[in-house]
Amino acid sequence: PHHFSAWKTQENATTISLVMEAITQKIRRELRVMDFCSVYAEDHIAIALPQTDRAKAQIFLERLRCILETKLFIVGDKEFRTGFDFGIADCTAKEWNYSEQLFTLAEHDMTNQK
């Protein structure tokens, strides 16, 4: 999600964590049983879409972006609406190094899209 980096402080950490959990719950409702979604690095979300090629992943992520960017997330008495950037990592290579490579490839793809 956009905007959390500048807003990160010790007192906001719990609120950010709750917003991220609300976002991941919304994402999980859009996923198939075989898919996976998790928060990492406080304000990033990893989504694994097995048996999904890059083109289909891009279509899914654009649909998901539209859903999430129109959603109002409420935590306590605060309301949050945010934008999202997505990067795609192809996990089909035999030399796959799991989590570290996943995040590196996804971050690289996201940066190249800007």
N, C-alpha and C. Protein backbone atom coordinates (compact mmCIF):
# COMPACT_ATOMS: atom_id res chain seq x y z
N PRO A 1 0.82 -1.20 0.00
CA PRO A 1 0.00 0.00 0.00
C PRO A 1 0.85 1.26 0.00
N HIS A 2 0.39 2.27 -0.68
CA HIS A 2 1.09 3.55 -0.71
C HIS A 2 0.91 4.27 0.62
N HIS A 3 1.76 5.22 0.89
CA HIS A 3 1.63 6.20 1.97
C HIS A 3 2.01 5.70 3.36
N PHE A 4 2.16 4.41 3.59
CA PHE A 4 2.49 3.95 4.93
C PHE A 4 3.92 4.28 5.31
N SER A 5 4.84 4.31 4.36
CA SER A 5 6.25 4.53 4.67
C SER A 5 6.45 5.86 5.39
N ALA A 6 5.84 6.92 4.90
CA ALA A 6 5.99 8.23 5.51
C ALA A 6 5.25 8.32 6.84
N TRP A 7 4.29 7.47 7.04
CA TRP A 7 3.42 7.52 8.22
C TRP A 7 3.92 6.63 9.34
N LYS A 8 4.95 5.81 9.06
CA LYS A 8 5.45 4.84 10.04
C LYS A 8 6.09 5.55 11.23
N THR A 9 5.53 5.34 12.38
CA THR A 9 6.14 5.76 13.64
C THR A 9 5.80 4.67 14.65
N GLN A 10 6.43 4.74 15.81
CA GLN A 10 6.17 3.72 16.83
C GLN A 10 4.69 3.70 17.22
N GLU A 11 4.09 4.88 17.41
CA GLU A 11 2.69 4.91 17.84
C GLU A 11 1.72 4.48 16.74
N ASN A 12 2.13 4.56 15.48
CA ASN A 12 1.27 4.14 14.38
C ASN A 12 1.45 2.68 14.00
N ALA A 13 2.43 2.01 14.58
CA ALA A 13 2.76 0.64 14.19
C ALA A 13 1.58 -0.31 14.36
N THR A 14 0.87 -0.21 15.46
CA THR A 14 -0.28 -1.09 15.70
C THR A 14 -1.39 -0.83 14.70
N THR A 15 -1.65 0.43 14.41
CA THR A 15 -2.69 0.78 13.44
C THR A 15 -2.33 0.26 12.06
N ILE A 16 -1.08 0.45 11.65
CA ILE A 16 -0.63 -0.05 10.35
C ILE A 16 -0.79 -1.56 10.29
N SER A 17 -0.41 -2.24 11.36
CA SER A 17 -0.54 -3.69 11.42
C SER A 17 -2.01 -4.12 11.25
N LEU A 18 -2.92 -3.43 11.90
CA LEU A 18 -4.35 -3.75 11.79
C LEU A 18 -4.89 -3.46 10.39
N VAL A 19 -4.45 -2.37 9.79
CA VAL A 19 -4.88 -2.05 8.42
C VAL A 19 -4.35 -3.11 7.45
N MET A 20 -3.09 -3.50 7.62
CA MET A 20 -2.51 -4.53 6.75
C MET A 20 -3.26 -5.85 6.90
N GLU A 21 -3.65 -6.19 8.12
CA GLU A 21 -4.41 -7.42 8.33
C GLU A 21 -5.78 -7.32 7.65
N ALA A 22 -6.42 -6.16 7.73
CA ALA A 22 -7.72 -5.97 7.05
C ALA A 22 -7.56 -6.10 5.54
N ILE A 23 -6.47 -5.56 5.00
CA ILE A 23 -6.21 -5.66 3.56
C ILE A 23 -5.98 -7.10 3.16
N THR A 24 -5.15 -7.83 3.92
CA THR A 24 -4.89 -9.23 3.56
C THR A 24 -6.15 -10.09 3.68
N GLN A 25 -7.01 -9.79 4.65
CA GLN A 25 -8.27 -10.54 4.75
C GLN A 25 -9.13 -10.31 3.50
N LYS A 26 -9.17 -9.07 3.03
CA LYS A 26 -9.93 -8.76 1.82
C LYS A 26 -9.32 -9.48 0.61
N ILE A 27 -7.99 -9.48 0.52
CA ILE A 27 -7.33 -10.18 -0.59
C ILE A 27 -7.64 -11.67 -0.54
N ARG A 28 -7.55 -12.26 0.64
CA ARG A 28 -7.78 -13.71 0.78
C ARG A 28 -9.17 -14.11 0.31
N ARG A 29 -10.15 -13.22 0.45
CA ARG A 29 -11.50 -13.53 -0.03
C ARG A 29 -11.56 -13.58 -1.56
N GLU A 30 -10.57 -13.02 -2.23
CA GLU A 30 -10.53 -13.01 -3.69
C GLU A 30 -9.68 -14.16 -4.26
N LEU A 31 -8.97 -14.89 -3.39
CA LEU A 31 -8.04 -15.93 -3.83
C LEU A 31 -8.69 -17.30 -3.94
N ARG A 32 -8.04 -18.17 -4.70
CA ARG A 32 -8.44 -19.57 -4.78
C ARG A 32 -7.87 -20.30 -3.57
N VAL A 33 -8.32 -21.51 -3.33
CA VAL A 33 -7.85 -22.31 -2.20
C VAL A 33 -6.34 -22.52 -2.26
N MET A 34 -5.79 -22.71 -3.45
CA MET A 34 -4.36 -23.00 -3.59
C MET A 34 -3.47 -21.76 -3.47
N ASP A 35 -4.04 -20.57 -3.51
CA ASP A 35 -3.26 -19.33 -3.46
C ASP A 35 -2.88 -18.97 -2.02
N PHE A 36 -1.94 -18.04 -1.89
CA PHE A 36 -1.41 -17.68 -0.58
C PHE A 36 -1.19 -16.17 -0.52
N CYS A 37 -1.46 -15.59 0.64
CA CYS A 37 -1.27 -14.16 0.85
C CYS A 37 -0.73 -13.93 2.25
N SER A 38 0.29 -13.07 2.37
CA SER A 38 0.87 -12.79 3.68
C SER A 38 1.52 -11.41 3.70
N VAL A 39 1.53 -10.78 4.86
CA VAL A 39 2.22 -9.51 5.05
C VAL A 39 3.69 -9.79 5.31
N TYR A 40 4.56 -8.95 4.74
CA TYR A 40 5.99 -9.01 5.08
C TYR A 40 6.52 -7.58 5.12
N ALA A 41 7.59 -7.37 5.85
CA ALA A 41 8.25 -6.06 5.98
C ALA A 41 7.25 -4.97 6.38
N GLU A 42 6.35 -5.27 7.25
CA GLU A 42 5.36 -4.37 7.85
C GLU A 42 4.33 -3.80 6.88
N ASP A 43 4.76 -3.34 5.70
CA ASP A 43 3.80 -2.68 4.81
C ASP A 43 3.85 -3.21 3.38
N HIS A 44 4.24 -4.48 3.24
CA HIS A 44 4.23 -5.16 1.94
C HIS A 44 3.41 -6.45 2.06
N ILE A 45 2.83 -6.85 0.95
CA ILE A 45 2.03 -8.07 0.93
C ILE A 45 2.54 -8.96 -0.20
N ALA A 46 2.77 -10.21 0.11
CA ALA A 46 3.15 -11.19 -0.91
C ALA A 46 1.93 -12.05 -1.22
N ILE A 47 1.68 -12.25 -2.51
CA ILE A 47 0.59 -13.10 -2.96
C ILE A 47 1.19 -14.15 -3.89
N ALA A 48 0.99 -15.42 -3.58
CA ALA A 48 1.46 -16.50 -4.44
C ALA A 48 0.26 -17.07 -5.19
N LEU A 49 0.40 -17.17 -6.50
CA LEU A 49 -0.67 -17.68 -7.37
C LEU A 49 -0.13 -18.87 -8.16
N PRO A 50 -0.06 -20.04 -7.54
CA PRO A 50 0.45 -21.21 -8.26
C PRO A 50 -0.41 -21.54 -9.47
N GLN A 51 0.21 -22.12 -10.45
CA GLN A 51 -0.47 -22.52 -11.68
C GLN A 51 -1.13 -21.33 -12.38
N THR A 52 -0.48 -20.17 -12.28
CA THR A 52 -1.00 -18.96 -12.92
C THR A 52 0.14 -18.32 -13.71
N ASP A 53 -0.04 -18.14 -15.02
CA ASP A 53 1.02 -17.51 -15.80
C ASP A 53 1.01 -16.00 -15.58
N ARG A 54 2.05 -15.34 -16.07
CA ARG A 54 2.24 -13.91 -15.85
C ARG A 54 1.05 -13.08 -16.36
N ALA A 55 0.56 -13.39 -17.54
CA ALA A 55 -0.55 -12.62 -18.12
C ALA A 55 -1.80 -12.72 -17.24
N LYS A 56 -2.12 -13.91 -16.80
CA LYS A 56 -3.30 -14.09 -15.93
C LYS A 56 -3.08 -13.43 -14.57
N ALA A 57 -1.85 -13.49 -14.06
CA ALA A 57 -1.54 -12.83 -12.78
C ALA A 57 -1.74 -11.32 -12.91
N GLN A 58 -1.31 -10.73 -14.03
CA GLN A 58 -1.48 -9.29 -14.24
C GLN A 58 -2.96 -8.91 -14.28
N ILE A 59 -3.76 -9.72 -14.96
CA ILE A 59 -5.20 -9.45 -15.03
C ILE A 59 -5.81 -9.53 -13.63
N PHE A 60 -5.46 -10.58 -12.89
CA PHE A 60 -5.98 -10.74 -11.54
C PHE A 60 -5.56 -9.56 -10.66
N LEU A 61 -4.29 -9.15 -10.73
CA LEU A 61 -3.81 -8.07 -9.87
C LEU A 61 -4.45 -6.73 -10.22
N GLU A 62 -4.72 -6.49 -11.49
CA GLU A 62 -5.43 -5.25 -11.85
C GLU A 62 -6.86 -5.26 -11.31
N ARG A 63 -7.52 -6.41 -11.39
CA ARG A 63 -8.87 -6.53 -10.82
C ARG A 63 -8.81 -6.32 -9.31
N LEU A 64 -7.80 -6.92 -8.67
CA LEU A 64 -7.63 -6.78 -7.23
C LEU A 64 -7.34 -5.33 -6.86
N ARG A 65 -6.51 -4.63 -7.66
CA ARG A 65 -6.22 -3.22 -7.40
C ARG A 65 -7.51 -2.39 -7.40
N CYS A 66 -8.37 -2.64 -8.38
CA CYS A 66 -9.64 -1.90 -8.45
C CYS A 66 -10.50 -2.17 -7.22
N ILE A 67 -10.55 -3.41 -6.78
CA ILE A 67 -11.32 -3.76 -5.58
C ILE A 67 -10.75 -3.05 -4.35
N LEU A 68 -9.43 -3.13 -4.17
CA LEU A 68 -8.80 -2.59 -2.97
C LEU A 68 -8.80 -1.07 -2.93
N GLU A 69 -8.60 -0.43 -4.07
CA GLU A 69 -8.51 1.02 -4.08
C GLU A 69 -9.87 1.69 -3.89
N THR A 70 -10.95 0.96 -4.05
CA THR A 70 -12.27 1.53 -3.79
C THR A 70 -12.77 1.16 -2.39
N LYS A 71 -12.03 0.33 -1.69
CA LYS A 71 -12.43 -0.15 -0.35
C LYS A 71 -11.96 0.84 0.71
N LEU A 72 -12.82 1.13 1.65
CA LEU A 72 -12.48 1.94 2.81
C LEU A 72 -12.19 0.99 3.96
N PHE A 73 -10.97 1.03 4.48
CA PHE A 73 -10.58 0.17 5.61
C PHE A 73 -10.72 0.98 6.89
N ILE A 74 -11.45 0.44 7.85
CA ILE A 74 -11.72 1.15 9.10
C ILE A 74 -11.04 0.40 10.24
N VAL A 75 -10.22 1.12 10.99
CA VAL A 75 -9.55 0.58 12.18
C VAL A 75 -9.80 1.55 13.31
N GLY A 76 -10.55 1.08 14.31
CA GLY A 76 -10.92 1.97 15.41
C GLY A 76 -11.76 3.11 14.87
N ASP A 77 -11.33 4.34 15.15
CA ASP A 77 -12.06 5.51 14.66
C ASP A 77 -11.39 6.13 13.43
N LYS A 78 -10.44 5.42 12.83
CA LYS A 78 -9.73 5.93 11.66
C LYS A 78 -10.17 5.19 10.40
N GLU A 79 -10.22 5.94 9.30
CA GLU A 79 -10.57 5.37 8.01
C GLU A 79 -9.37 5.48 7.07
N PHE A 80 -9.12 4.42 6.30
CA PHE A 80 -7.98 4.39 5.39
C PHE A 80 -8.42 3.96 4.00
N ARG A 81 -7.92 4.67 3.03
CA ARG A 81 -8.06 4.29 1.63
C ARG A 81 -6.66 4.46 1.06
N THR A 82 -6.20 3.51 0.28
CA THR A 82 -4.82 3.59 -0.20
C THR A 82 -4.70 3.05 -1.61
N GLY A 83 -3.58 3.37 -2.25
CA GLY A 83 -3.27 2.84 -3.58
C GLY A 83 -2.33 1.65 -3.44
N PHE A 84 -2.17 0.92 -4.52
CA PHE A 84 -1.36 -0.29 -4.49
C PHE A 84 -0.48 -0.38 -5.72
N ASP A 85 0.76 -0.84 -5.53
CA ASP A 85 1.66 -1.21 -6.61
C ASP A 85 1.89 -2.71 -6.53
N PHE A 86 1.91 -3.37 -7.66
CA PHE A 86 2.14 -4.81 -7.69
C PHE A 86 3.35 -5.12 -8.55
N GLY A 87 4.15 -6.07 -8.11
CA GLY A 87 5.23 -6.62 -8.90
C GLY A 87 5.00 -8.11 -9.03
N ILE A 88 5.44 -8.68 -10.15
CA ILE A 88 5.22 -10.11 -10.39
C ILE A 88 6.56 -10.81 -10.50
N ALA A 89 6.70 -11.90 -9.77
CA ALA A 89 7.90 -12.73 -9.83
C ALA A 89 7.51 -14.09 -10.42
N ASP A 90 8.25 -14.52 -11.42
CA ASP A 90 8.01 -15.83 -12.04
C ASP A 90 8.74 -16.89 -11.22
N CYS A 91 8.01 -17.79 -10.62
CA CYS A 91 8.57 -18.80 -9.72
C CYS A 91 8.77 -20.16 -10.38
N THR A 92 8.83 -20.19 -11.69
CA THR A 92 8.91 -21.49 -12.36
C THR A 92 10.34 -21.95 -12.64
N ALA A 93 11.33 -21.10 -12.43
CA ALA A 93 12.72 -21.47 -12.71
C ALA A 93 13.20 -22.56 -11.76
N LYS A 94 14.01 -23.49 -12.27
CA LYS A 94 14.52 -24.59 -11.45
C LYS A 94 15.45 -24.11 -10.34
N GLU A 95 16.15 -23.01 -10.57
CA GLU A 95 17.08 -22.50 -9.56
C GLU A 95 16.41 -21.57 -8.56
N TRP A 96 15.13 -21.72 -8.40
CA TRP A 96 14.32 -20.88 -7.51
C TRP A 96 14.84 -20.90 -6.08
N ASN A 97 15.01 -19.70 -5.49
CA ASN A 97 15.54 -19.55 -4.14
C ASN A 97 14.46 -19.02 -3.19
N TYR A 98 13.27 -19.42 -3.38
CA TYR A 98 12.10 -19.13 -2.56
C TYR A 98 11.97 -17.67 -2.12
N SER A 99 11.74 -17.44 -0.83
CA SER A 99 11.27 -16.14 -0.35
C SER A 99 12.14 -14.96 -0.73
N GLU A 100 13.44 -15.04 -0.55
CA GLU A 100 14.30 -13.89 -0.83
C GLU A 100 14.24 -13.52 -2.31
N GLN A 101 14.29 -14.49 -3.17
CA GLN A 101 14.24 -14.22 -4.61
C GLN A 101 12.85 -13.73 -5.01
N LEU A 102 11.81 -14.27 -4.40
CA LEU A 102 10.45 -13.83 -4.68
C LEU A 102 10.32 -12.33 -4.44
N PHE A 103 10.73 -11.88 -3.27
CA PHE A 103 10.59 -10.47 -2.92
C PHE A 103 11.47 -9.59 -3.80
N THR A 104 12.68 -10.04 -4.09
CA THR A 104 13.58 -9.27 -4.94
C THR A 104 13.00 -9.11 -6.34
N LEU A 105 12.53 -10.21 -6.93
CA LEU A 105 11.96 -10.15 -8.28
C LEU A 105 10.69 -9.31 -8.33
N ALA A 106 9.84 -9.46 -7.34
CA ALA A 106 8.60 -8.68 -7.31
C ALA A 106 8.89 -7.19 -7.14
N GLU A 107 9.82 -6.84 -6.25
CA GLU A 107 10.19 -5.43 -6.05
C GLU A 107 10.79 -4.86 -7.35
N HIS A 108 11.63 -5.64 -8.03
CA HIS A 108 12.24 -5.20 -9.27
C HIS A 108 11.16 -4.95 -10.33
N ASP A 109 10.22 -5.86 -10.45
CA ASP A 109 9.13 -5.72 -11.42
C ASP A 109 8.28 -4.50 -11.09
N MET A 110 7.98 -4.28 -9.81
CA MET A 110 7.16 -3.16 -9.40
C MET A 110 7.88 -1.84 -9.72
N THR A 111 9.18 -1.77 -9.48
CA THR A 111 9.96 -0.58 -9.77
C THR A 111 10.00 -0.30 -11.27
N ASN A 112 10.13 -1.33 -12.08
CA ASN A 112 10.17 -1.16 -13.53
C ASN A 112 8.84 -0.68 -14.10
N GLN A 113 7.73 -0.92 -13.42
CA GLN A 113 6.42 -0.51 -13.90
C GLN A 113 6.17 0.97 -13.70
N LYS A 114 6.92 1.60 -12.79
CA LYS A 114 6.68 3.03 -12.48
C LYS A 114 7.23 3.94 -13.54
